[in-house]
Amino acid sequence: MNLTVSDFNGQNLKSACPIAVLFQAEWCPFCRGFTPIFESLQKANVTSAMVDLSDLNNPLWETLGIDIVPSVLLFNTGKIIQRYDGVAGRGLNAVIIKEIISKLKMLQEH
């Protein structure tokens, strides 16, 4: 699922369902490497979405305090509960994805 600025201004992220959102940009080589790893969340049956921040004037950069891409923010009832800024490497990416899956599944059970 792809999200836009209006999704963050409305009710879309305020549902009871926890969600992981990847903020990435087309021009970012690290994003291109991380996106397929992030897409593995779909196989884990947790809710995930992506936001393209290729436009440096996108207000979400400032609104959400994103200063590096790729970044993953976990939302629950519209609030940021965890953030993962930047990417270190493939090994760490797998650890981050496992942690995200674990957190989202725990939140879904409550």
PDB file of N, CA and C in Angstrom:
ATOM      1  N   MET A   1       0.846  -1.168   0.000  1.00  0.00           N
ATOM      2  CA  MET A   1       0.000   0.000   0.000  1.00  0.00           C
ATOM      3  C   MET A   1       0.894   1.235   0.000  1.00  0.00           C
ATOM      4  N   ASN A   2       0.555   2.203  -0.813  1.00  0.00           N
ATOM      5  CA  ASN A   2       1.282   3.467  -0.861  1.00  0.00           C
ATOM      6  C   ASN A   2       0.448   4.536  -0.184  1.00  0.00           C
ATOM      7  N   LEU A   3       1.101   5.387   0.585  1.00  0.00           N
ATOM      8  CA  LEU A   3       0.418   6.453   1.306  1.00  0.00           C
ATOM      9  C   LEU A   3       0.878   7.799   0.784  1.00  0.00           C
ATOM     10  N   THR A   4       0.049   8.824   1.023  1.00  0.00           N
ATOM     11  CA  THR A   4       0.372  10.192   0.629  1.00  0.00           C
ATOM     12  C   THR A   4       0.292  11.093   1.858  1.00  0.00           C
ATOM     13  N   VAL A   5       0.605  12.361   1.678  1.00  0.00           N
ATOM     14  CA  VAL A   5       0.541  13.333   2.773  1.00  0.00           C
ATOM     15  C   VAL A   5      -0.851  13.354   3.382  1.00  0.00           C
ATOM     16  N   SER A   6      -1.891  13.303   2.558  1.00  0.00           N
ATOM     17  CA  SER A   6      -3.261  13.377   3.091  1.00  0.00           C
ATOM     18  C   SER A   6      -3.589  12.196   4.003  1.00  0.00           C
ATOM     19  N   ASP A   7      -2.936  11.064   3.823  1.00  0.00           N
ATOM     20  CA  ASP A   7      -3.168   9.929   4.708  1.00  0.00           C
ATOM     21  C   ASP A   7      -2.710  10.235   6.132  1.00  0.00           C
ATOM     22  N   PHE A   8      -1.728  11.100   6.260  1.00  0.00           N
ATOM     23  CA  PHE A   8      -1.221  11.438   7.583  1.00  0.00           C
ATOM     24  C   PHE A   8      -2.014  12.569   8.220  1.00  0.00           C
ATOM     25  N   ASN A   9      -2.775  13.294   7.411  1.00  0.00           N
ATOM     26  CA  ASN A   9      -3.617  14.369   7.925  1.00  0.00           C
ATOM     27  C   ASN A   9      -5.004  13.865   8.290  1.00  0.00           C
ATOM     28  N   GLY A  10      -5.366  12.719   7.775  1.00  0.00           N
ATOM     29  CA  GLY A  10      -6.706  12.194   7.999  1.00  0.00           C
ATOM     30  C   GLY A  10      -6.716  11.104   9.051  1.00  0.00           C
ATOM     31  N   GLN A  11      -7.655  10.198   8.894  1.00  0.00           N
ATOM     32  CA  GLN A  11      -7.876   9.140   9.873  1.00  0.00           C
ATOM     33  C   GLN A  11      -7.195   7.826   9.516  1.00  0.00           C
ATOM     34  N   ASN A  12      -6.540   7.746   8.361  1.00  0.00           N
ATOM     35  CA  ASN A  12      -6.047   6.467   7.861  1.00  0.00           C
ATOM     36  C   ASN A  12      -5.087   5.746   8.792  1.00  0.00           C
ATOM     37  N   LEU A  13      -4.268   6.458   9.550  1.00  0.00           N
ATOM     38  CA  LEU A  13      -3.310   5.808  10.432  1.00  0.00           C
ATOM     39  C   LEU A  13      -3.816   5.725  11.865  1.00  0.00           C
ATOM     40  N   LYS A  14      -5.042   6.166  12.093  1.00  0.00           N
ATOM     41  CA  LYS A  14      -5.570   6.170  13.458  1.00  0.00           C
ATOM     42  C   LYS A  14      -6.404   4.936  13.774  1.00  0.00           C
ATOM     43  N   SER A  15      -6.425   3.984  12.865  1.00  0.00           N
ATOM     44  CA  SER A  15      -7.178   2.765  13.119  1.00  0.00           C
ATOM     45  C   SER A  15      -6.490   1.962  14.213  1.00  0.00           C
ATOM     46  N   ALA A  16      -7.167   0.986  14.722  1.00  0.00           N
ATOM     47  CA  ALA A  16      -6.620   0.161  15.796  1.00  0.00           C
ATOM     48  C   ALA A  16      -5.534  -0.780  15.287  1.00  0.00           C
ATOM     49  N   CYS A  17      -5.407  -0.914  13.977  1.00  0.00           N
ATOM     50  CA  CYS A  17      -4.439  -1.836  13.387  1.00  0.00           C
ATOM     51  C   CYS A  17      -3.048  -1.202  13.344  1.00  0.00           C
ATOM     52  N   PRO A  18      -2.061  -1.803  14.001  1.00  0.00           N
ATOM     53  CA  PRO A  18      -0.703  -1.266  13.925  1.00  0.00           C
ATOM     54  C   PRO A  18      -0.148  -1.416  12.507  1.00  0.00           C
ATOM     55  N   ILE A  19       0.696  -0.471  12.119  1.00  0.00           N
ATOM     56  CA  ILE A  19       1.213  -0.466  10.755  1.00  0.00           C
ATOM     57  C   ILE A  19       2.682  -0.017  10.742  1.00  0.00           C
ATOM     58  N   ALA A  20       3.455  -0.638   9.864  1.00  0.00           N
ATOM     59  CA  ALA A  20       4.841  -0.227   9.614  1.00  0.00           C
ATOM     60  C   ALA A  20       4.858   0.551   8.308  1.00  0.00           C
ATOM     61  N   VAL A  21       5.447   1.747   8.329  1.00  0.00           N
ATOM     62  CA  VAL A  21       5.487   2.580   7.132  1.00  0.00           C
ATOM     63  C   VAL A  21       6.944   2.867   6.764  1.00  0.00           C
ATOM     64  N   LEU A  22       7.300   2.490   5.543  1.00  0.00           N
ATOM     65  CA  LEU A  22       8.634   2.754   5.002  1.00  0.00           C
ATOM     66  C   LEU A  22       8.613   4.088   4.274  1.00  0.00           C
ATOM     67  N   PHE A  23       9.489   4.991   4.686  1.00  0.00           N
ATOM     68  CA  PHE A  23       9.669   6.261   4.002  1.00  0.00           C
ATOM     69  C   PHE A  23      10.935   6.126   3.174  1.00  0.00           C
ATOM     70  N   GLN A  24      10.785   6.258   1.844  1.00  0.00           N
ATOM     71  CA  GLN A  24      11.895   6.043   0.932  1.00  0.00           C
ATOM     72  C   GLN A  24      11.825   7.057  -0.193  1.00  0.00           C
ATOM     73  N   ALA A  25      12.865   7.080  -1.010  1.00  0.00           N
ATOM     74  CA  ALA A  25      12.915   7.997  -2.147  1.00  0.00           C
ATOM     75  C   ALA A  25      13.510   7.272  -3.342  1.00  0.00           C
ATOM     76  N   GLU A  26      12.994   7.594  -4.515  1.00  0.00           N
ATOM     77  CA  GLU A  26      13.479   6.957  -5.746  1.00  0.00           C
ATOM     78  C   GLU A  26      14.965   7.171  -5.954  1.00  0.00           C
ATOM     79  N   TRP A  27      15.491   8.312  -5.582  1.00  0.00           N
ATOM     80  CA  TRP A  27      16.889   8.656  -5.831  1.00  0.00           C
ATOM     81  C   TRP A  27      17.852   8.027  -4.821  1.00  0.00           C
ATOM     82  N   CYS A  28      17.339   7.323  -3.830  1.00  0.00           N
ATOM     83  CA  CYS A  28      18.159   6.775  -2.750  1.00  0.00           C
ATOM     84  C   CYS A  28      18.561   5.323  -3.037  1.00  0.00           C
ATOM     85  N   PRO A  29      19.874   5.051  -3.245  1.00  0.00           N
ATOM     86  CA  PRO A  29      20.289   3.670  -3.526  1.00  0.00           C
ATOM     87  C   PRO A  29      20.055   2.729  -2.342  1.00  0.00           C
ATOM     88  N   PHE A  30      20.152   3.228  -1.122  1.00  0.00           N
ATOM     89  CA  PHE A  30      19.896   2.390   0.049  1.00  0.00           C
ATOM     90  C   PHE A  30      18.429   1.978   0.111  1.00  0.00           C
ATOM     91  N   CYS A  31      17.547   2.878  -0.330  1.00  0.00           N
ATOM     92  CA  CYS A  31      16.109   2.572  -0.360  1.00  0.00           C
ATOM     93  C   CYS A  31      15.820   1.446  -1.349  1.00  0.00           C
ATOM     94  N   ARG A  32      16.455   1.521  -2.514  1.00  0.00           N
ATOM     95  CA  ARG A  32      16.232   0.473  -3.519  1.00  0.00           C
ATOM     96  C   ARG A  32      16.672  -0.888  -2.991  1.00  0.00           C
ATOM     97  N   GLY A  33      17.699  -0.913  -2.166  1.00  0.00           N
ATOM     98  CA  GLY A  33      18.151  -2.171  -1.581  1.00  0.00           C
ATOM     99  C   GLY A  33      17.275  -2.643  -0.440  1.00  0.00           C
ATOM    100  N   PHE A  34      16.703  -1.706   0.310  1.00  0.00           N
ATOM    101  CA  PHE A  34      15.917  -2.065   1.483  1.00  0.00           C
ATOM    102  C   PHE A  34      14.464  -2.392   1.148  1.00  0.00           C
ATOM    103  N   THR A  35      13.913  -1.793   0.099  1.00  0.00           N
ATOM    104  CA  THR A  35      12.496  -1.976  -0.240  1.00  0.00           C
ATOM    105  C   THR A  35      12.110  -3.450  -0.396  1.00  0.00           C
ATOM    106  N   PRO A  36      12.859  -4.280  -1.118  1.00  0.00           N
ATOM    107  CA  PRO A  36      12.463  -5.698  -1.223  1.00  0.00           C
ATOM    108  C   PRO A  36      12.485  -6.413   0.136  1.00  0.00           C
ATOM    109  N   ILE A  37      13.390  -6.022   1.003  1.00  0.00           N
ATOM    110  CA  ILE A  37      13.439  -6.620   2.342  1.00  0.00           C
ATOM    111  C   ILE A  37      12.206  -6.195   3.129  1.00  0.00           C
ATOM    112  N   PHE A  38      11.841  -4.923   3.032  1.00  0.00           N
ATOM    113  CA  PHE A  38      10.652  -4.415   3.721  1.00  0.00           C
ATOM    114  C   PHE A  38       9.393  -5.101   3.213  1.00  0.00           C
ATOM    115  N   GLU A  39       9.335  -5.373   1.915  1.00  0.00           N
ATOM    116  CA  GLU A  39       8.155  -6.010   1.335  1.00  0.00           C
ATOM    117  C   GLU A  39       7.923  -7.407   1.893  1.00  0.00           C
ATOM    118  N   SER A  40       8.920  -7.992   2.536  1.00  0.00           N
ATOM    119  CA  SER A  40       8.734  -9.305   3.162  1.00  0.00           C
ATOM    120  C   SER A  40       7.745  -9.239   4.327  1.00  0.00           C
ATOM    121  N   LEU A  41       7.423  -8.040   4.806  1.00  0.00           N
ATOM    122  CA  LEU A  41       6.411  -7.896   5.860  1.00  0.00           C
ATOM    123  C   LEU A  41       5.053  -8.401   5.392  1.00  0.00           C
ATOM    124  N   GLN A  42       4.788  -8.270   4.098  1.00  0.00           N
ATOM    125  CA  GLN A  42       3.511  -8.743   3.561  1.00  0.00           C
ATOM    126  C   GLN A  42       3.356 -10.242   3.769  1.00  0.00           C
ATOM    127  N   LYS A  43       4.443 -10.988   3.630  1.00  0.00           N
ATOM    128  CA  LYS A  43       4.399 -12.435   3.822  1.00  0.00           C
ATOM    129  C   LYS A  43       4.175 -12.797   5.285  1.00  0.00           C
ATOM    130  N   ALA A  44       4.532 -11.896   6.194  1.00  0.00           N
ATOM    131  CA  ALA A  44       4.387 -12.150   7.631  1.00  0.00           C
ATOM    132  C   ALA A  44       2.998 -11.781   8.131  1.00  0.00           C
ATOM    133  N   ASN A  45       2.124 -11.347   7.221  1.00  0.00           N
ATOM    134  CA  ASN A  45       0.747 -11.023   7.554  1.00  0.00           C
ATOM    135  C   ASN A  45       0.632  -9.880   8.563  1.00  0.00           C
ATOM    136  N   VAL A  46       1.462  -8.850   8.380  1.00  0.00           N
ATOM    137  CA  VAL A  46       1.334  -7.631   9.167  1.00  0.00           C
ATOM    138  C   VAL A  46       1.090  -6.476   8.196  1.00  0.00           C
ATOM    139  N   THR A  47       0.482  -5.416   8.686  1.00  0.00           N
ATOM    140  CA  THR A  47       0.131  -4.294   7.831  1.00  0.00           C
ATOM    141  C   THR A  47       1.343  -3.398   7.606  1.00  0.00           C
ATOM    142  N   SER A  48       1.590  -3.097   6.342  1.00  0.00           N
ATOM    143  CA  SER A  48       2.722  -2.238   5.996  1.00  0.00           C
ATOM    144  C   SER A  48       2.344  -1.347   4.825  1.00  0.00           C
ATOM    145  N   ALA A  49       3.074  -0.247   4.698  1.00  0.00           N
ATOM    146  CA  ALA A  49       2.838   0.698   3.610  1.00  0.00           C
ATOM    147  C   ALA A  49       4.137   1.414   3.305  1.00  0.00           C
ATOM    148  N   MET A  50       4.166   2.087   2.151  1.00  0.00           N
ATOM    149  CA  MET A  50       5.347   2.851   1.752  1.00  0.00           C
ATOM    150  C   MET A  50       4.943   4.274   1.385  1.00  0.00           C
ATOM    151  N   VAL A  51       5.855   5.199   1.649  1.00  0.00           N
ATOM    152  CA  VAL A  51       5.667   6.597   1.277  1.00  0.00           C
ATOM    153  C   VAL A  51       6.897   7.033   0.498  1.00  0.00           C
ATOM    154  N   ASP A  52       6.673   7.597  -0.690  1.00  0.00           N
ATOM    155  CA  ASP A  52       7.767   8.096  -1.513  1.00  0.00           C
ATOM    156  C   ASP A  52       8.041   9.549  -1.135  1.00  0.00           C
ATOM    157  N   LEU A  53       9.230   9.801  -0.616  1.00  0.00           N
ATOM    158  CA  LEU A  53       9.627  11.162  -0.242  1.00  0.00           C
ATOM    159  C   LEU A  53      10.647  11.722  -1.233  1.00  0.00           C
ATOM    160  N   SER A  54      10.531  11.344  -2.505  1.00  0.00           N
ATOM    161  CA  SER A  54      11.465  11.831  -3.520  1.00  0.00           C
ATOM    162  C   SER A  54      11.428  13.350  -3.629  1.00  0.00           C
ATOM    163  N   ASP A  55      10.261  13.932  -3.394  1.00  0.00           N
ATOM    164  CA  ASP A  55      10.108  15.386  -3.415  1.00  0.00           C
ATOM    165  C   ASP A  55      10.619  15.936  -2.086  1.00  0.00           C
ATOM    166  N   LEU A  56      11.725  16.635  -2.114  1.00  0.00           N
ATOM    167  CA  LEU A  56      12.310  17.156  -0.884  1.00  0.00           C
ATOM    168  C   LEU A  56      11.440  18.219  -0.222  1.00  0.00           C
ATOM    169  N   ASN A  57      10.421  18.712  -0.941  1.00  0.00           N
ATOM    170  CA  ASN A  57       9.494  19.687  -0.364  1.00  0.00           C
ATOM    171  C   ASN A  57       8.292  19.014   0.298  1.00  0.00           C
ATOM    172  N   ASN A  58       8.269  17.690   0.306  1.00  0.00           N
ATOM    173  CA  ASN A  58       7.170  16.980   0.950  1.00  0.00           C
ATOM    174  C   ASN A  58       7.151  17.349   2.433  1.00  0.00           C
ATOM    175  N   PRO A  59       6.016  17.820   2.954  1.00  0.00           N
ATOM    176  CA  PRO A  59       5.963  18.264   4.352  1.00  0.00           C
ATOM    177  C   PRO A  59       6.196  17.148   5.377  1.00  0.00           C
ATOM    178  N   LEU A  60       6.107  15.890   4.972  1.00  0.00           N
ATOM    179  CA  LEU A  60       6.314  14.794   5.917  1.00  0.00           C
ATOM    180  C   LEU A  60       7.751  14.721   6.421  1.00  0.00           C
ATOM    181  N   TRP A  61       8.701  15.240   5.640  1.00  0.00           N
ATOM    182  CA  TRP A  61      10.087  15.285   6.114  1.00  0.00           C
ATOM    183  C   TRP A  61      10.131  15.970   7.475  1.00  0.00           C
ATOM    184  N   GLU A  62       9.510  17.154   7.539  1.00  0.00           N
ATOM    185  CA  GLU A  62       9.548  17.943   8.772  1.00  0.00           C
ATOM    186  C   GLU A  62       8.501  17.461   9.782  1.00  0.00           C
ATOM    187  N   THR A  63       7.300  17.216   9.330  1.00  0.00           N
ATOM    188  CA  THR A  63       6.217  16.826  10.234  1.00  0.00           C
ATOM    189  C   THR A  63       6.576  15.599  11.061  1.00  0.00           C
ATOM    190  N   LEU A  64       7.196  14.608  10.432  1.00  0.00           N
ATOM    191  CA  LEU A  64       7.518  13.363  11.125  1.00  0.00           C
ATOM    192  C   LEU A  64       8.984  13.305  11.578  1.00  0.00           C
ATOM    193  N   GLY A  65       9.717  14.373  11.343  1.00  0.00           N
ATOM    194  CA  GLY A  65      11.108  14.421  11.774  1.00  0.00           C
ATOM    195  C   GLY A  65      12.007  13.434  11.059  1.00  0.00           C
ATOM    196  N   ILE A  66      11.734  13.219   9.791  1.00  0.00           N
ATOM    197  CA  ILE A  66      12.544  12.286   9.006  1.00  0.00           C
ATOM    198  C   ILE A  66      13.717  13.066   8.419  1.00  0.00           C
ATOM    199  N   ASP A  67      14.917  12.647   8.759  1.00  0.00           N
ATOM    200  CA  ASP A  67      16.080  13.338   8.220  1.00  0.00           C
ATOM    201  C   ASP A  67      16.980  12.416   7.410  1.00  0.00           C
ATOM    202  N   ILE A  68      16.560  11.160   7.246  1.00  0.00           N
ATOM    203  CA  ILE A  68      17.328  10.209   6.446  1.00  0.00           C
ATOM    204  C   ILE A  68      16.364   9.154   5.905  1.00  0.00           C
ATOM    205  N   VAL A  69      16.621   8.707   4.687  1.00  0.00           N
ATOM    206  CA  VAL A  69      15.845   7.601   4.120  1.00  0.00           C
ATOM    207  C   VAL A  69      16.808   6.477   3.787  1.00  0.00           C
ATOM    208  N   PRO A  70      16.366   5.255   3.843  1.00  0.00           N
ATOM    209  CA  PRO A  70      15.043   4.823   4.249  1.00  0.00           C
ATOM    210  C   PRO A  70      14.877   4.873   5.768  1.00  0.00           C
ATOM    211  N   SER A  71      13.659   5.175   6.178  1.00  0.00           N
ATOM    212  CA  SER A  71      13.277   5.124   7.585  1.00  0.00           C
ATOM    213  C   SER A  71      11.969   4.361   7.688  1.00  0.00           C
ATOM    214  N   VAL A  72      11.840   3.584   8.752  1.00  0.00           N
ATOM    215  CA  VAL A  72      10.603   2.857   9.007  1.00  0.00           C
ATOM    216  C   VAL A  72      10.035   3.371  10.318  1.00  0.00           C
ATOM    217  N   LEU A  73       8.776   3.792  10.297  1.00  0.00           N
ATOM    218  CA  LEU A  73       8.095   4.221  11.502  1.00  0.00           C
ATOM    219  C   LEU A  73       6.950   3.259  11.770  1.00  0.00           C
ATOM    220  N   LEU A  74       6.816   2.845  13.022  1.00  0.00           N
ATOM    221  CA  LEU A  74       5.697   1.998  13.426  1.00  0.00           C
ATOM    222  C   LEU A  74       4.649   2.889  14.074  1.00  0.00           C
ATOM    223  N   PHE A  75       3.417   2.757  13.586  1.00  0.00           N
ATOM    224  CA  PHE A  75       2.304   3.540  14.108  1.00  0.00           C
ATOM    225  C   PHE A  75       1.310   2.603  14.782  1.00  0.00           C
ATOM    226  N   ASN A  76       0.746   3.060  15.880  1.00  0.00           N
ATOM    227  CA  ASN A  76      -0.361   2.354  16.521  1.00  0.00           C
ATOM    228  C   ASN A  76      -1.339   3.419  16.982  1.00  0.00           C
ATOM    229  N   THR A  77      -2.577   3.301  16.549  1.00  0.00           N
ATOM    230  CA  THR A  77      -3.641   4.289  16.791  1.00  0.00           C
ATOM    231  C   THR A  77      -3.180   5.710  16.461  1.00  0.00           C
ATOM    232  N   GLY A  78      -2.469   5.841  15.340  1.00  0.00           N
ATOM    233  CA  GLY A  78      -2.070   7.146  14.837  1.00  0.00           C
ATOM    234  C   GLY A  78      -0.824   7.736  15.454  1.00  0.00           C
ATOM    235  N   LYS A  79      -0.226   7.056  16.416  1.00  0.00           N
ATOM    236  CA  LYS A  79       0.968   7.581  17.080  1.00  0.00           C
ATOM    237  C   LYS A  79       2.195   6.765  16.692  1.00  0.00           C
ATOM    238  N   ILE A  80       3.325   7.454  16.579  1.00  0.00           N
ATOM    239  CA  ILE A  80       4.586   6.766  16.310  1.00  0.00           C
ATOM    240  C   ILE A  80       5.016   6.072  17.602  1.00  0.00           C
ATOM    241  N   ILE A  81       5.208   4.751  17.515  1.00  0.00           N
ATOM    242  CA  ILE A  81       5.625   4.009  18.703  1.00  0.00           C
ATOM    243  C   ILE A  81       7.064   3.515  18.605  1.00  0.00           C
ATOM    244  N   GLN A  82       7.615   3.516  17.406  1.00  0.00           N
ATOM    245  CA  GLN A  82       9.003   3.071  17.202  1.00  0.00           C
ATOM    246  C   GLN A  82       9.468   3.616  15.874  1.00  0.00           C
ATOM    247  N   ARG A  83      10.752   3.926  15.781  1.00  0.00           N
ATOM    248  CA  ARG A  83      11.288   4.362  14.502  1.00  0.00           C
ATOM    249  C   ARG A  83      12.645   3.730  14.270  1.00  0.00           C
ATOM    250  N   TYR A  84      12.921   3.462  13.012  1.00  0.00           N
ATOM    251  CA  TYR A  84      14.190   2.895  12.567  1.00  0.00           C
ATOM    252  C   TYR A  84      14.701   3.815  11.463  1.00  0.00           C
ATOM    253  N   ASP A  85      15.679   4.634  11.769  1.00  0.00           N
ATOM    254  CA  ASP A  85      16.187   5.616  10.816  1.00  0.00           C
ATOM    255  C   ASP A  85      17.456   5.117  10.146  1.00  0.00           C
ATOM    256  N   GLY A  86      17.461   5.157   8.818  1.00  0.00           N
ATOM    257  CA  GLY A  86      18.640   4.761   8.065  1.00  0.00           C
ATOM    258  C   GLY A  86      18.816   3.253   8.004  1.00  0.00           C
ATOM    259  N   VAL A  87      19.780   2.853   7.245  1.00  0.00           N
ATOM    260  CA  VAL A  87      20.044   1.438   7.044  1.00  0.00           C
ATOM    261  C   VAL A  87      21.547   1.205   7.177  1.00  0.00           C
ATOM    262  N   ALA A  88      21.915   0.136   7.883  1.00  0.00           N
ATOM    263  CA  ALA A  88      23.338  -0.159   8.085  1.00  0.00           C
ATOM    264  C   ALA A  88      23.847  -1.230   7.139  1.00  0.00           C
ATOM    265  N   GLY A  89      23.072  -2.250   6.887  1.00  0.00           N
ATOM    266  CA  GLY A  89      23.517  -3.325   6.011  1.00  0.00           C
ATOM    267  C   GLY A  89      22.527  -4.467   6.003  1.00  0.00           C
ATOM    268  N   ARG A  90      22.704  -5.384   5.088  1.00  0.00           N
ATOM    269  CA  ARG A  90      21.755  -6.484   4.921  1.00  0.00           C
ATOM    270  C   ARG A  90      21.533  -7.288   6.196  1.00  0.00           C
ATOM    271  N   GLY A  91      22.592  -7.613   6.915  1.00  0.00           N
ATOM    272  CA  GLY A  91      22.432  -8.391   8.141  1.00  0.00           C
ATOM    273  C   GLY A  91      21.573  -7.674   9.152  1.00  0.00           C
ATOM    274  N   LEU A  92      21.830  -6.398   9.347  1.00  0.00           N
ATOM    275  CA  LEU A  92      21.048  -5.609  10.290  1.00  0.00           C
ATOM    276  C   LEU A  92      19.624  -5.431   9.791  1.00  0.00           C
ATOM    277  N   ASN A  93      19.443  -5.295   8.479  1.00  0.00           N
ATOM    278  CA  ASN A  93      18.097  -5.144   7.925  1.00  0.00           C
ATOM    279  C   ASN A  93      17.221  -6.330   8.284  1.00  0.00           C
ATOM    280  N   ALA A  94      17.765  -7.538   8.206  1.00  0.00           N
ATOM    281  CA  ALA A  94      17.000  -8.732   8.547  1.00  0.00           C
ATOM    282  C   ALA A  94      16.605  -8.709  10.021  1.00  0.00           C
ATOM    283  N   VAL A  95      17.496  -8.239  10.879  1.00  0.00           N
ATOM    284  CA  VAL A  95      17.198  -8.134  12.307  1.00  0.00           C
ATOM    285  C   VAL A  95      16.089  -7.115  12.540  1.00  0.00           C
ATOM    286  N   ILE A  96      16.166  -5.978  11.857  1.00  0.00           N
ATOM    287  CA  ILE A  96      15.143  -4.941  11.986  1.00  0.00           C
ATOM    288  C   ILE A  96      13.790  -5.471  11.540  1.00  0.00           C
ATOM    289  N   ILE A  97      13.742  -6.167  10.412  1.00  0.00           N
ATOM    290  CA  ILE A  97      12.476  -6.703   9.909  1.00  0.00           C
ATOM    291  C   ILE A  97      11.884  -7.696  10.913  1.00  0.00           C
ATOM    292  N   LYS A  98      12.700  -8.568  11.467  1.00  0.00           N
ATOM    293  CA  LYS A  98      12.202  -9.523  12.468  1.00  0.00           C
ATOM    294  C   LYS A  98      11.652  -8.796  13.686  1.00  0.00           C
ATOM    295  N   GLU A  99      12.333  -7.741  14.112  1.00  0.00           N
ATOM    296  CA  GLU A  99      11.861  -6.967  15.257  1.00  0.00           C
ATOM    297  C   GLU A  99      10.535  -6.277  14.944  1.00  0.00           C
ATOM    298  N   ILE A 100      10.415  -5.722  13.745  1.00  0.00           N
ATOM    299  CA  ILE A 100       9.172  -5.066  13.333  1.00  0.00           C
ATOM    300  C   ILE A 100       8.033  -6.071  13.332  1.00  0.00           C
ATOM    301  N   ILE A 101       8.260  -7.232  12.746  1.00  0.00           N
ATOM    302  CA  ILE A 101       7.218  -8.268  12.700  1.00  0.00           C
ATOM    303  C   ILE A 101       6.794  -8.638  14.111  1.00  0.00           C
ATOM    304  N   SER A 102       7.751  -8.845  14.983  1.00  0.00           N
ATOM    305  CA  SER A 102       7.455  -9.224  16.368  1.00  0.00           C
ATOM    306  C   SER A 102       6.620  -8.155  17.070  1.00  0.00           C
ATOM    307  N   LYS A 103       7.009  -6.881  16.932  1.00  0.00           N
ATOM    308  CA  LYS A 103       6.282  -5.793  17.581  1.00  0.00           C
ATOM    309  C   LYS A 103       4.867  -5.661  17.036  1.00  0.00           C
ATOM    310  N   LEU A 104       4.720  -5.731  15.715  1.00  0.00           N
ATOM    311  CA  LEU A 104       3.394  -5.574  15.124  1.00  0.00           C
ATOM    312  C   LEU A 104       2.473  -6.729  15.502  1.00  0.00           C
ATOM    313  N   LYS A 105       2.994  -7.943  15.490  1.00  0.00           N
ATOM    314  CA  LYS A 105       2.163  -9.095  15.870  1.00  0.00           C
ATOM    315  C   LYS A 105       1.734  -9.012  17.331  1.00  0.00           C
ATOM    316  N   MET A 106       2.639  -8.551  18.201  1.00  0.00           N
ATOM    317  CA  MET A 106       2.296  -8.382  19.611  1.00  0.00           C
ATOM    318  C   MET A 106       1.181  -7.340  19.762  1.00  0.00           C
ATOM    319  N   LEU A 107       1.282  -6.238  19.034  1.00  0.00           N
ATOM    320  CA  LEU A 107       0.269  -5.193  19.100  1.00  0.00           C
ATOM    321  C   LEU A 107      -1.064  -5.669  18.530  1.00  0.00           C
ATOM    322  N   GLN A 108      -1.029  -6.494  17.497  1.00  0.00           N
ATOM    323  CA  GLN A 108      -2.263  -7.005  16.896  1.00  0.00           C
ATOM    324  C   GLN A 108      -3.016  -7.898  17.871  1.00  0.00           C
ATOM    325  N   GLU A 109      -2.279  -8.574  18.732  1.00  0.00           N
ATOM    326  CA  GLU A 109      -2.914  -9.504  19.689  1.00  0.00           C
ATOM    327  C   GLU A 109      -3.586  -8.763  20.830  1.00  0.00           C
ATOM    328  N   HIS A 110      -3.231  -7.497  21.036  1.00  0.00           N
ATOM    329  CA  HIS A 110      -3.812  -6.747  22.157  1.00  0.00           C
ATOM    330  C   HIS A 110      -4.939  -5.882  21.733  1.00  0.00           C
TER     331      HIS A 110
END
